[in-house]
C-alpha atoms as a PDB file:
ATOM      1  CA  LEU A   1      19.108 -37.450 226.472  1.00  0.00           C
ATOM      2  CA  ASP A   2      21.835 -35.578 228.373  1.00  0.00           C
ATOM      3  CA  ARG A   3      19.197 -34.163 230.741  1.00  0.00           C
ATOM      4  CA  ALA A   4      17.760 -37.638 231.367  1.00  0.00           C
ATOM      5  CA  ASP A   5      21.264 -38.975 231.993  1.00  0.00           C
ATOM      6  CA  ARG A   6      22.007 -36.205 234.525  1.00  0.00           C
ATOM      7  CA  MET A   7      18.687 -36.853 236.252  1.00  0.00           C
ATOM      8  CA  LEU A   8      19.404 -40.584 236.484  1.00  0.00           C
ATOM      9  CA  GLU A   9      22.859 -39.874 237.933  1.00  0.00           C
ATOM     10  CA  SER A  10      21.212 -37.555 240.470  1.00  0.00           C
ATOM     11  CA  PHE A  11      18.699 -40.217 241.496  1.00  0.00           C
ATOM     12  CA  LEU A  12      21.478 -42.772 241.919  1.00  0.00           C
ATOM     13  CA  ALA A  13      23.578 -40.392 244.031  1.00  0.00           C
ATOM     14  CA  LEU A  14      20.539 -39.580 246.185  1.00  0.00           C
ATOM     15  CA  ALA A  15      19.684 -43.273 246.640  1.00  0.00           C
ATOM     16  CA  ARG A  16      23.267 -44.204 247.541  1.00  0.00           C
ATOM     17  CA  ALA A  17      23.509 -41.414 250.081  1.00  0.00           C
ATOM     18  CA  GLU A  18      20.092 -42.074 251.630  1.00  0.00           C
ATOM     19  CA  HIS A  19      20.768 -45.795 251.958  1.00  0.00           C
ATOM     20  CA  GLY A  20      24.262 -45.489 253.352  1.00  0.00           C
ATOM     21  CA  VAL A  21      26.106 -47.073 250.415  1.00  0.00           C
ATOM     22  CA  LEU A  22      29.536 -45.770 251.392  1.00  0.00           C
ATOM     23  CA  ALA A  23      32.097 -48.342 250.267  1.00  0.00           C
ATOM     24  CA  ASP A  24      35.004 -45.973 250.984  1.00  0.00           C
ATOM     25  CA  ALA A  25      33.542 -44.334 254.086  1.00  0.00           C
ATOM     26  CA  GLN A  26      36.798 -44.270 256.039  1.00  0.00           C
ATOM     27  CA  THR A  27      38.838 -42.384 253.448  1.00  0.00           C
ATOM     28  CA  SER A  28      40.278 -39.014 254.456  1.00  0.00           C
ATOM     29  CA  VAL A  29      39.026 -36.461 251.933  1.00  0.00           C
ATOM     30  CA  SER A  30      40.263 -32.877 251.596  1.00  0.00           C
ATOM     31  CA  LEU A  31      37.213 -30.655 251.260  1.00  0.00           C
ATOM     32  CA  ALA A  32      39.492 -27.748 250.293  1.00  0.00           C
ATOM     33  CA  GLU A  33      40.830 -29.747 247.340  1.00  0.00           C
ATOM     34  CA  LEU A  34      37.307 -30.749 246.290  1.00  0.00           C
ATOM     35  CA  VAL A  35      36.153 -27.115 246.374  1.00  0.00           C
ATOM     36  CA  ALA A  36      39.203 -25.907 244.437  1.00  0.00           C
ATOM     37  CA  ALA A  37      38.647 -28.583 241.772  1.00  0.00           C
ATOM     38  CA  ALA A  38      34.939 -27.773 241.487  1.00  0.00           C
ATOM     39  CA  ILE A  39      35.671 -24.059 241.029  1.00  0.00           C
ATOM     40  CA  GLU A  40      38.372 -24.788 238.445  1.00  0.00           C
ATOM     41  CA  GLN A  41      36.134 -27.171 236.475  1.00  0.00           C
ATOM     42  CA  ARG A  42      33.436 -24.502 236.311  1.00  0.00           C
ATOM     43  CA  ALA A  43      35.706 -21.612 235.285  1.00  0.00           C
ATOM     44  CA  GLY A  44      33.878 -21.273 231.963  1.00  0.00           C
ATOM     45  CA  ALA A  45      30.431 -20.955 233.569  1.00  0.00           C
ATOM     46  CA  ILE A  46      31.833 -18.514 236.135  1.00  0.00           C
ATOM     47  CA  ALA A  47      33.357 -16.368 233.370  1.00  0.00           C
ATOM     48  CA  ASP A  48      30.198 -16.568 231.238  1.00  0.00           C
ATOM     49  CA  GLN A  49      28.189 -15.030 234.094  1.00  0.00           C
ATOM     50  CA  GLY A  50      30.922 -12.566 235.059  1.00  0.00           C
ATOM     51  CA  LEU A  51      30.994 -13.878 238.617  1.00  0.00           C
ATOM     52  CA  GLN A  52      33.674 -13.008 241.140  1.00  0.00           C
ATOM     53  CA  VAL A  53      34.814 -15.926 243.273  1.00  0.00           C
ATOM     54  CA  ARG A  54      36.208 -15.294 246.751  1.00  0.00           C
ATOM     55  CA  GLN A  55      37.989 -18.271 248.276  1.00  0.00           C
ATOM     56  CA  ARG A  56      39.474 -19.063 251.671  1.00  0.00           C
ATOM     57  CA  LEU A  57      40.365 -22.738 251.592  1.00  0.00           C
ATOM     58  CA  ASP A  58      41.957 -23.836 254.843  1.00  0.00           C
ATOM     59  CA  ASP A  59      42.536 -27.467 255.804  1.00  0.00           C
ATOM     60  CA  ALA A  60      39.287 -29.344 256.218  1.00  0.00           C
ATOM     61  CA  ASP A  61      39.648 -33.095 255.931  1.00  0.00           C
ATOM     62  CA  ALA A  62      36.498 -35.144 256.355  1.00  0.00           C
ATOM     63  CA  ARG A  63      36.059 -38.869 256.734  1.00  0.00           C
ATOM     64  CA  GLY A  64      33.987 -40.431 254.005  1.00  0.00           C
ATOM     65  CA  SER A  65      33.390 -41.380 250.418  1.00  0.00           C
ATOM     66  CA  GLN A  66      35.559 -39.403 247.981  1.00  0.00           C
ATOM     67  CA  ALA A  67      32.976 -39.795 245.182  1.00  0.00           C
ATOM     68  CA  LEU A  68      29.974 -38.745 247.251  1.00  0.00           C
ATOM     69  CA  LEU A  69      31.736 -35.844 248.952  1.00  0.00           C
ATOM     70  CA  ALA A  70      32.930 -34.609 245.553  1.00  0.00           C
ATOM     71  CA  ARG A  71      29.331 -34.776 244.302  1.00  0.00           C
ATOM     72  CA  MET A  72      28.149 -32.870 247.384  1.00  0.00           C
ATOM     73  CA  VAL A  73      30.674 -30.061 246.839  1.00  0.00           C
ATOM     74  CA  GLU A  74      29.992 -29.928 243.082  1.00  0.00           C
ATOM     75  CA  ASN A  75      26.247 -29.600 243.678  1.00  0.00           C
ATOM     76  CA  VAL A  76      26.716 -26.715 246.117  1.00  0.00           C
ATOM     77  CA  VAL A  77      29.102 -24.885 243.785  1.00  0.00           C
ATOM     78  CA  ASP A  78      26.826 -25.528 240.783  1.00  0.00           C
ATOM     79  CA  ASN A  79      23.877 -24.144 242.731  1.00  0.00           C
ATOM     80  CA  ALA A  80      25.785 -20.972 243.653  1.00  0.00           C
ATOM     81  CA  ILE A  81      26.722 -20.384 240.013  1.00  0.00           C
ATOM     82  CA  ARG A  82      23.427 -21.386 238.420  1.00  0.00           C
ATOM     83  CA  HIS A  83      21.168 -19.354 240.707  1.00  0.00           C
ATOM     84  CA  ASN A  84      23.251 -16.207 240.790  1.00  0.00           C
ATOM     85  CA  GLU A  85      22.901 -12.861 239.062  1.00  0.00           C
ATOM     86  CA  PRO A  86      25.095 -11.900 236.097  1.00  0.00           C
ATOM     87  CA  GLY A  87      28.089 -10.013 237.477  1.00  0.00           C
ATOM     88  CA  GLY A  88      27.436 -11.440 240.944  1.00  0.00           C
ATOM     89  CA  TRP A  89      29.716 -13.222 243.364  1.00  0.00           C
ATOM     90  CA  VAL A  90      30.340 -16.568 245.016  1.00  0.00           C
ATOM     91  CA  GLY A  91      32.193 -16.973 248.313  1.00  0.00           C
ATOM     92  CA  VAL A  92      33.630 -20.332 249.373  1.00  0.00           C
ATOM     93  CA  GLU A  93      35.371 -21.256 252.610  1.00  0.00           C
ATOM     94  CA  THR A  94      36.676 -24.448 254.157  1.00  0.00           C
ATOM     95  CA  TRP A  95      38.133 -24.907 257.632  1.00  0.00           C
ATOM     96  CA  SER A  96      38.204 -27.271 260.594  1.00  0.00           C
ATOM     97  CA  GLU A  97      37.335 -26.622 264.199  1.00  0.00           C
ATOM     98  CA  ASP A  98      36.416 -28.736 267.197  1.00  0.00           C
ATOM     99  CA  GLY A  99      36.529 -32.042 265.323  1.00  0.00           C
ATOM    100  CA  THR A 100      34.370 -30.720 262.483  1.00  0.00           C
ATOM    101  CA  ALA A 101      35.295 -30.055 258.855  1.00  0.00           C
ATOM    102  CA  ARG A 102      33.270 -27.215 257.365  1.00  0.00           C
ATOM    103  CA  VAL A 103      32.368 -25.965 253.905  1.00  0.00           C
ATOM    104  CA  VAL A 104      30.423 -22.736 253.416  1.00  0.00           C
ATOM    105  CA  VAL A 105      29.306 -21.486 250.020  1.00  0.00           C
ATOM    106  CA  GLU A 106      27.544 -18.139 249.774  1.00  0.00           C
ATOM    107  CA  SER A 107      26.207 -16.403 246.717  1.00  0.00           C
ATOM    108  CA  GLY A 108      24.579 -13.158 245.826  1.00  0.00           C
ATOM    109  CA  GLY A 109      21.230 -13.003 244.172  1.00  0.00           C
ATOM    110  CA  PRO A 110      17.674 -11.995 244.820  1.00  0.00           C
ATOM    111  CA  ARG A 111      16.282 -11.876 248.338  1.00  0.00           C
ATOM    112  CA  LEU A 112      14.803 -15.168 249.428  1.00  0.00           C
ATOM    113  CA  ARG A 113      12.299 -15.959 252.150  1.00  0.00           C
ATOM    114  CA  GLU A 114      13.829 -18.024 254.968  1.00  0.00           C
ATOM    115  CA  GLN A 115      10.793 -20.314 255.144  1.00  0.00           C
ATOM    116  CA  ASP A 116      11.153 -21.096 251.424  1.00  0.00           C
ATOM    117  CA  VAL A 117      14.880 -21.730 251.734  1.00  0.00           C
ATOM    118  CA  ARG A 118      14.320 -24.397 254.413  1.00  0.00           C
ATOM    119  CA  GLU A 119      12.440 -26.498 251.846  1.00  0.00           C
ATOM    120  CA  LEU A 120      15.229 -26.480 249.246  1.00  0.00           C
ATOM    121  CA  ALA A 121      16.813 -29.616 250.727  1.00  0.00           C
ATOM    122  CA  GLN A 122      13.652 -31.559 249.846  1.00  0.00           C
ATOM    123  CA  PRO A 123      13.637 -33.364 246.474  1.00  0.00           C
ATOM    124  CA  PHE A 124      12.124 -31.411 243.557  1.00  0.00           C
ATOM    125  CA  ARG A 125      11.933 -28.119 245.479  1.00  0.00           C
ATOM    126  CA  ARG A 126      12.903 -24.940 243.659  1.00  0.00           C
ATOM    127  CA  LEU A 127      12.167 -21.286 244.244  1.00  0.00           C
ATOM    128  CA  GLY A 128      10.277 -19.086 241.820  1.00  0.00           C
ATOM    129  CA  ALA A 129       9.732 -19.306 238.102  1.00  0.00           C
ATOM    130  CA  GLU A 130      13.389 -18.539 237.352  1.00  0.00           C
ATOM    131  CA  ARG A 131      14.341 -21.882 238.891  1.00  0.00           C
ATOM    132  CA  THR A 132      11.936 -24.015 236.894  1.00  0.00           C
ATOM    133  CA  GLY A 133      13.609 -23.918 233.477  1.00  0.00           C
ATOM    134  CA  SER A 134      14.960 -27.231 232.220  1.00  0.00           C
ATOM    135  CA  GLU A 135      18.523 -25.912 232.023  1.00  0.00           C
ATOM    136  CA  LEU A 136      18.434 -25.138 235.743  1.00  0.00           C
ATOM    137  CA  GLY A 137      17.871 -28.709 236.910  1.00  0.00           C
ATOM    138  CA  VAL A 138      14.990 -30.539 238.509  1.00  0.00           C
ATOM    139  CA  GLY A 139      15.401 -29.637 242.166  1.00  0.00           C
ATOM    140  CA  LEU A 140      17.557 -32.544 243.355  1.00  0.00           C
ATOM    141  CA  GLY A 141      20.902 -30.785 243.927  1.00  0.00           C
ATOM    142  CA  LEU A 142      20.456 -29.664 247.539  1.00  0.00           C
ATOM    143  CA  ALA A 143      18.453 -32.802 248.405  1.00  0.00           C
ATOM    144  CA  ILE A 144      21.499 -34.805 247.313  1.00  0.00           C
ATOM    145  CA  VAL A 145      23.764 -32.528 249.363  1.00  0.00           C
ATOM    146  CA  ALA A 146      21.581 -33.043 252.466  1.00  0.00           C
ATOM    147  CA  ALA A 147      21.505 -36.824 251.965  1.00  0.00           C
ATOM    148  CA  ILE A 148      25.279 -37.053 251.459  1.00  0.00           C
ATOM    149  CA  ALA A 149      25.951 -34.899 254.525  1.00  0.00           C
ATOM    150  CA  ALA A 150      23.583 -37.050 256.617  1.00  0.00           C
ATOM    151  CA  ALA A 151      25.152 -40.281 255.311  1.00  0.00           C
ATOM    152  CA  HIS A 152      28.498 -38.955 256.592  1.00  0.00           C
ATOM    153  CA  ASP A 153      27.040 -38.085 260.035  1.00  0.00           C
ATOM    154  CA  GLY A 154      27.074 -34.419 259.070  1.00  0.00           C
ATOM    155  CA  ALA A 155      24.548 -31.659 258.580  1.00  0.00           C
ATOM    156  CA  LEU A 156      23.446 -29.144 255.970  1.00  0.00           C
ATOM    157  CA  GLU A 157      22.169 -25.685 256.884  1.00  0.00           C
ATOM    158  CA  LEU A 158      20.567 -23.305 254.397  1.00  0.00           C
ATOM    159  CA  HIS A 159      19.966 -19.634 255.134  1.00  0.00           C
ATOM    160  CA  ALA A 160      18.635 -16.746 253.108  1.00  0.00           C
ATOM    161  CA  ARG A 161      21.127 -13.888 253.209  1.00  0.00           C
ATOM    162  CA  ALA A 162      19.607 -10.587 254.318  1.00  0.00           C
ATOM    163  CA  GLU A 163      21.300  -8.833 251.370  1.00  0.00           C
ATOM    164  CA  GLY A 164      20.018 -11.446 248.924  1.00  0.00           C
ATOM    165  CA  GLY A 165      21.312 -14.822 247.881  1.00  0.00           C
ATOM    166  CA  LEU A 166      21.901 -18.014 249.792  1.00  0.00           C
ATOM    167  CA  ARG A 167      24.294 -19.327 252.453  1.00  0.00           C
ATOM    168  CA  VAL A 168      24.935 -23.075 252.371  1.00  0.00           C
ATOM    169  CA  ALA A 169      26.880 -24.497 255.322  1.00  0.00           C
ATOM    170  CA  ILE A 170      27.970 -28.124 255.607  1.00  0.00           C
ATOM    171  CA  ALA A 171      29.505 -29.630 258.736  1.00  0.00           C
ATOM    172  CA  LEU A 172      31.075 -33.100 258.670  1.00  0.00           C
ATOM    173  CA  PRO A 173      33.086 -35.097 261.191  1.00  0.00           C
ATOM    174  CA  ARG A 174      36.742 -34.327 260.710  1.00  0.00           C
ATOM    175  CA  ALA A 175      39.051 -37.130 259.589  1.00  0.00           C
ATOM    176  CA  LYS A 176      41.358 -38.372 262.286  1.00  0.00           C
ATOM    177  CA  VAL A 177      44.693 -36.601 262.011  1.00  0.00           C
ATOM    178  CA  PRO A 178      47.649 -38.975 262.457  1.00  0.00           C
ATOM    179  CA  ALA A 179      49.730 -38.259 265.551  1.00  0.00           C
END
């Protein structure tokens, strides 16, 4: 029942993002605060896997829906934890430059093929048998991230790291800074 509930919530988040349902689209949202909260909320899972977390959270305020942007960040952090190796690492960074707020989450793990990684933002796409277990989700996490980024006039980029693991980069329009 919990799994069905999580899947339904994922479908609803994906539908809202894909159809531009952004009631609070003009809110200024701190991506650094969202990342810090997501990491803190997942401290138990991080400890259970013995992961090291490296953080550099500089100001990165985006314009958009607080709820959807929180979901986007949570999905990326969850993905980095869930698809990591025991004793591995997660790196998270936020910053702003040239009118763009950025979030980058990198993780260690097995080597991935770049052509396979490009498909991960499609619904129900997962890599390898280790990503098909029911406790690892249904393959909607990065599709939701891509849809939320697009709904906020942003972009998601996924890259296989040469050393193994995944690099997830999100770029969103920066919130207007008051003069």
